Amino acid sequence: MTSWQVVRIVAGSFILLSLALGIPGSPLFVSQWWLAFTAFVGVNLLQSGLTKWCLMESLLRKMGIQPGC
């Protein structure tokens, strides 16, 4: 698995988890403040798409995960 795949899997998982914890109708609801985490992940995805740099991908590469296209 390449670093870009891991980044997308983690980002998608974080978004789904924070939505489950932040939407009042969810059985896992904790607080609506979890929706701020969803926005944080979205902003980071937008930033990495515009700048072609992602901190998480850089960290994954340092941990030995193969870079990908």
N, C-alpha and C. Protein backbone atom coordinates (compact mmCIF):
# COMPACT_ATOMS: atom_id res chain seq x y z
N MET A 1 0.86 -1.17 0.00
CA MET A 1 0.00 0.00 0.00
C MET A 1 0.91 1.23 0.00
N THR A 2 0.54 2.22 -0.77
CA THR A 2 1.37 3.42 -0.88
C THR A 2 0.87 4.51 0.08
N SER A 3 1.73 5.52 0.27
CA SER A 3 1.42 6.58 1.24
C SER A 3 0.14 7.33 0.88
N TRP A 4 -0.09 7.58 -0.41
CA TRP A 4 -1.31 8.33 -0.77
C TRP A 4 -2.55 7.51 -0.48
N GLN A 5 -2.46 6.18 -0.61
CA GLN A 5 -3.61 5.34 -0.29
C GLN A 5 -3.90 5.36 1.21
N VAL A 6 -2.84 5.29 2.01
CA VAL A 6 -3.02 5.32 3.47
C VAL A 6 -3.63 6.66 3.90
N VAL A 7 -3.15 7.75 3.32
CA VAL A 7 -3.68 9.08 3.66
C VAL A 7 -5.17 9.13 3.38
N ARG A 8 -5.59 8.65 2.25
CA ARG A 8 -7.02 8.70 1.88
C ARG A 8 -7.87 7.79 2.74
N ILE A 9 -7.33 6.62 3.10
CA ILE A 9 -8.07 5.70 3.97
C ILE A 9 -8.24 6.32 5.36
N VAL A 10 -7.16 6.89 5.89
CA VAL A 10 -7.23 7.51 7.22
C VAL A 10 -8.16 8.72 7.20
N ALA A 11 -8.05 9.57 6.17
CA ALA A 11 -8.91 10.75 6.08
C ALA A 11 -10.38 10.34 5.98
N GLY A 12 -10.68 9.38 5.14
CA GLY A 12 -12.06 8.90 5.02
C GLY A 12 -12.59 8.32 6.32
N SER A 13 -11.75 7.57 7.00
CA SER A 13 -12.15 6.99 8.29
C SER A 13 -12.40 8.07 9.33
N PHE A 14 -11.50 9.08 9.38
CA PHE A 14 -11.69 10.18 10.32
C PHE A 14 -12.98 10.95 10.04
N ILE A 15 -13.27 11.19 8.78
CA ILE A 15 -14.49 11.91 8.42
C ILE A 15 -15.72 11.13 8.85
N LEU A 16 -15.76 9.84 8.52
CA LEU A 16 -16.93 9.04 8.89
C LEU A 16 -17.08 8.93 10.41
N LEU A 17 -15.98 8.75 11.12
CA LEU A 17 -16.04 8.65 12.58
C LEU A 17 -16.50 9.96 13.20
N SER A 18 -15.94 11.08 12.74
CA SER A 18 -16.33 12.37 13.33
C SER A 18 -17.77 12.72 12.99
N LEU A 19 -18.26 12.32 11.84
CA LEU A 19 -19.68 12.53 11.52
C LEU A 19 -20.56 11.68 12.45
N ALA A 20 -20.15 10.43 12.68
CA ALA A 20 -20.92 9.56 13.56
C ALA A 20 -20.96 10.12 14.98
N LEU A 21 -19.87 10.75 15.42
CA LEU A 21 -19.81 11.31 16.77
C LEU A 21 -20.42 12.70 16.87
N GLY A 22 -20.62 13.38 15.73
CA GLY A 22 -21.06 14.76 15.76
C GLY A 22 -22.48 15.04 15.31
N ILE A 23 -23.14 14.07 14.69
CA ILE A 23 -24.51 14.29 14.22
C ILE A 23 -25.50 13.81 15.29
N PRO A 24 -26.38 14.69 15.75
CA PRO A 24 -27.28 14.34 16.86
C PRO A 24 -28.11 13.08 16.65
N GLY A 25 -28.47 12.74 15.44
CA GLY A 25 -29.29 11.55 15.21
C GLY A 25 -28.52 10.24 15.25
N SER A 26 -27.21 10.30 15.35
CA SER A 26 -26.37 9.11 15.34
C SER A 26 -26.42 8.39 16.69
N PRO A 27 -26.40 7.06 16.67
CA PRO A 27 -26.37 6.33 17.95
C PRO A 27 -25.04 6.51 18.69
N LEU A 28 -24.02 7.01 18.01
CA LEU A 28 -22.71 7.24 18.63
C LEU A 28 -22.50 8.70 19.02
N PHE A 29 -23.54 9.52 18.92
CA PHE A 29 -23.42 10.96 19.14
C PHE A 29 -22.78 11.28 20.49
N VAL A 30 -21.80 12.19 20.45
CA VAL A 30 -21.14 12.68 21.66
C VAL A 30 -21.34 14.19 21.78
N SER A 31 -20.93 14.92 20.74
CA SER A 31 -21.03 16.38 20.75
C SER A 31 -20.95 16.89 19.32
N GLN A 32 -21.63 18.00 19.06
CA GLN A 32 -21.56 18.58 17.71
C GLN A 32 -20.18 19.16 17.41
N TRP A 33 -19.35 19.32 18.41
CA TRP A 33 -17.99 19.82 18.19
C TRP A 33 -17.15 18.84 17.38
N TRP A 34 -17.56 17.58 17.29
CA TRP A 34 -16.85 16.63 16.44
C TRP A 34 -16.92 17.03 14.98
N LEU A 35 -17.93 17.82 14.61
CA LEU A 35 -18.03 18.28 13.22
C LEU A 35 -16.90 19.23 12.87
N ALA A 36 -16.31 19.90 13.86
CA ALA A 36 -15.13 20.74 13.62
C ALA A 36 -13.96 19.87 13.15
N PHE A 37 -13.86 18.66 13.66
CA PHE A 37 -12.81 17.74 13.21
C PHE A 37 -13.03 17.34 11.75
N THR A 38 -14.28 17.15 11.37
CA THR A 38 -14.61 16.88 9.97
C THR A 38 -14.14 18.02 9.09
N ALA A 39 -14.40 19.25 9.50
CA ALA A 39 -13.96 20.42 8.74
C ALA A 39 -12.44 20.50 8.69
N PHE A 40 -11.76 20.18 9.78
CA PHE A 40 -10.29 20.18 9.81
C PHE A 40 -9.72 19.21 8.79
N VAL A 41 -10.26 18.02 8.73
CA VAL A 41 -9.79 17.03 7.75
C VAL A 41 -10.06 17.53 6.33
N GLY A 42 -11.23 18.09 6.10
CA GLY A 42 -11.55 18.62 4.78
C GLY A 42 -10.63 19.74 4.36
N VAL A 43 -10.31 20.64 5.27
CA VAL A 43 -9.40 21.75 4.97
C VAL A 43 -8.01 21.20 4.64
N ASN A 44 -7.56 20.20 5.37
CA ASN A 44 -6.25 19.61 5.09
C ASN A 44 -6.23 18.91 3.73
N LEU A 45 -7.30 18.24 3.37
CA LEU A 45 -7.37 17.62 2.04
C LEU A 45 -7.35 18.68 0.94
N LEU A 46 -8.07 19.77 1.15
CA LEU A 46 -8.07 20.87 0.18
C LEU A 46 -6.68 21.48 0.06
N GLN A 47 -6.04 21.75 1.18
CA GLN A 47 -4.69 22.32 1.18
C GLN A 47 -3.71 21.40 0.46
N SER A 48 -3.77 20.10 0.72
CA SER A 48 -2.82 19.19 0.08
C SER A 48 -3.08 19.08 -1.42
N GLY A 49 -4.32 19.22 -1.82
CA GLY A 49 -4.63 19.20 -3.25
C GLY A 49 -4.13 20.44 -3.98
N LEU A 50 -4.16 21.58 -3.30
CA LEU A 50 -3.72 22.83 -3.91
C LEU A 50 -2.20 23.00 -3.88
N THR A 51 -1.56 22.55 -2.80
CA THR A 51 -0.12 22.78 -2.66
C THR A 51 0.72 21.56 -3.04
N LYS A 52 0.07 20.42 -3.22
CA LYS A 52 0.76 19.15 -3.53
C LYS A 52 1.70 18.74 -2.41
N TRP A 53 1.40 19.13 -1.16
CA TRP A 53 2.17 18.73 0.01
C TRP A 53 1.20 18.34 1.12
N CYS A 54 1.48 17.22 1.75
CA CYS A 54 0.63 16.72 2.83
C CYS A 54 1.53 16.27 3.98
N LEU A 55 1.33 16.85 5.16
CA LEU A 55 2.14 16.51 6.32
C LEU A 55 2.04 15.02 6.65
N MET A 56 0.83 14.48 6.64
CA MET A 56 0.66 13.07 6.99
C MET A 56 1.41 12.17 6.02
N GLU A 57 1.38 12.50 4.74
CA GLU A 57 2.10 11.70 3.76
C GLU A 57 3.61 11.77 4.00
N SER A 58 4.10 12.94 4.36
CA SER A 58 5.52 13.09 4.68
C SER A 58 5.90 12.23 5.89
N LEU A 59 5.04 12.22 6.91
CA LEU A 59 5.30 11.40 8.09
C LEU A 59 5.26 9.91 7.76
N LEU A 60 4.32 9.51 6.93
CA LEU A 60 4.22 8.10 6.52
C LEU A 60 5.46 7.66 5.76
N ARG A 61 5.97 8.52 4.89
CA ARG A 61 7.18 8.19 4.14
C ARG A 61 8.37 8.02 5.08
N LYS A 62 8.46 8.85 6.12
CA LYS A 62 9.54 8.71 7.10
C LYS A 62 9.41 7.42 7.90
N MET A 63 8.18 6.92 8.02
CA MET A 63 7.94 5.66 8.72
C MET A 63 8.18 4.46 7.82
N GLY A 64 8.54 4.71 6.56
CA GLY A 64 8.87 3.61 5.66
C GLY A 64 7.80 3.19 4.69
N ILE A 65 6.66 3.87 4.68
CA ILE A 65 5.61 3.56 3.72
C ILE A 65 6.06 4.04 2.34
N GLN A 66 5.86 3.20 1.34
CA GLN A 66 6.27 3.54 -0.02
C GLN A 66 5.50 4.73 -0.57
N PRO A 67 6.22 5.68 -1.21
CA PRO A 67 5.50 6.80 -1.86
C PRO A 67 4.74 6.27 -3.08
N GLY A 68 3.68 6.95 -3.44
CA GLY A 68 2.88 6.55 -4.59
C GLY A 68 2.49 7.73 -5.44
N CYS A 69 2.02 7.44 -6.63
CA CYS A 69 1.60 8.50 -7.55
C CYS A 69 0.16 8.85 -7.35
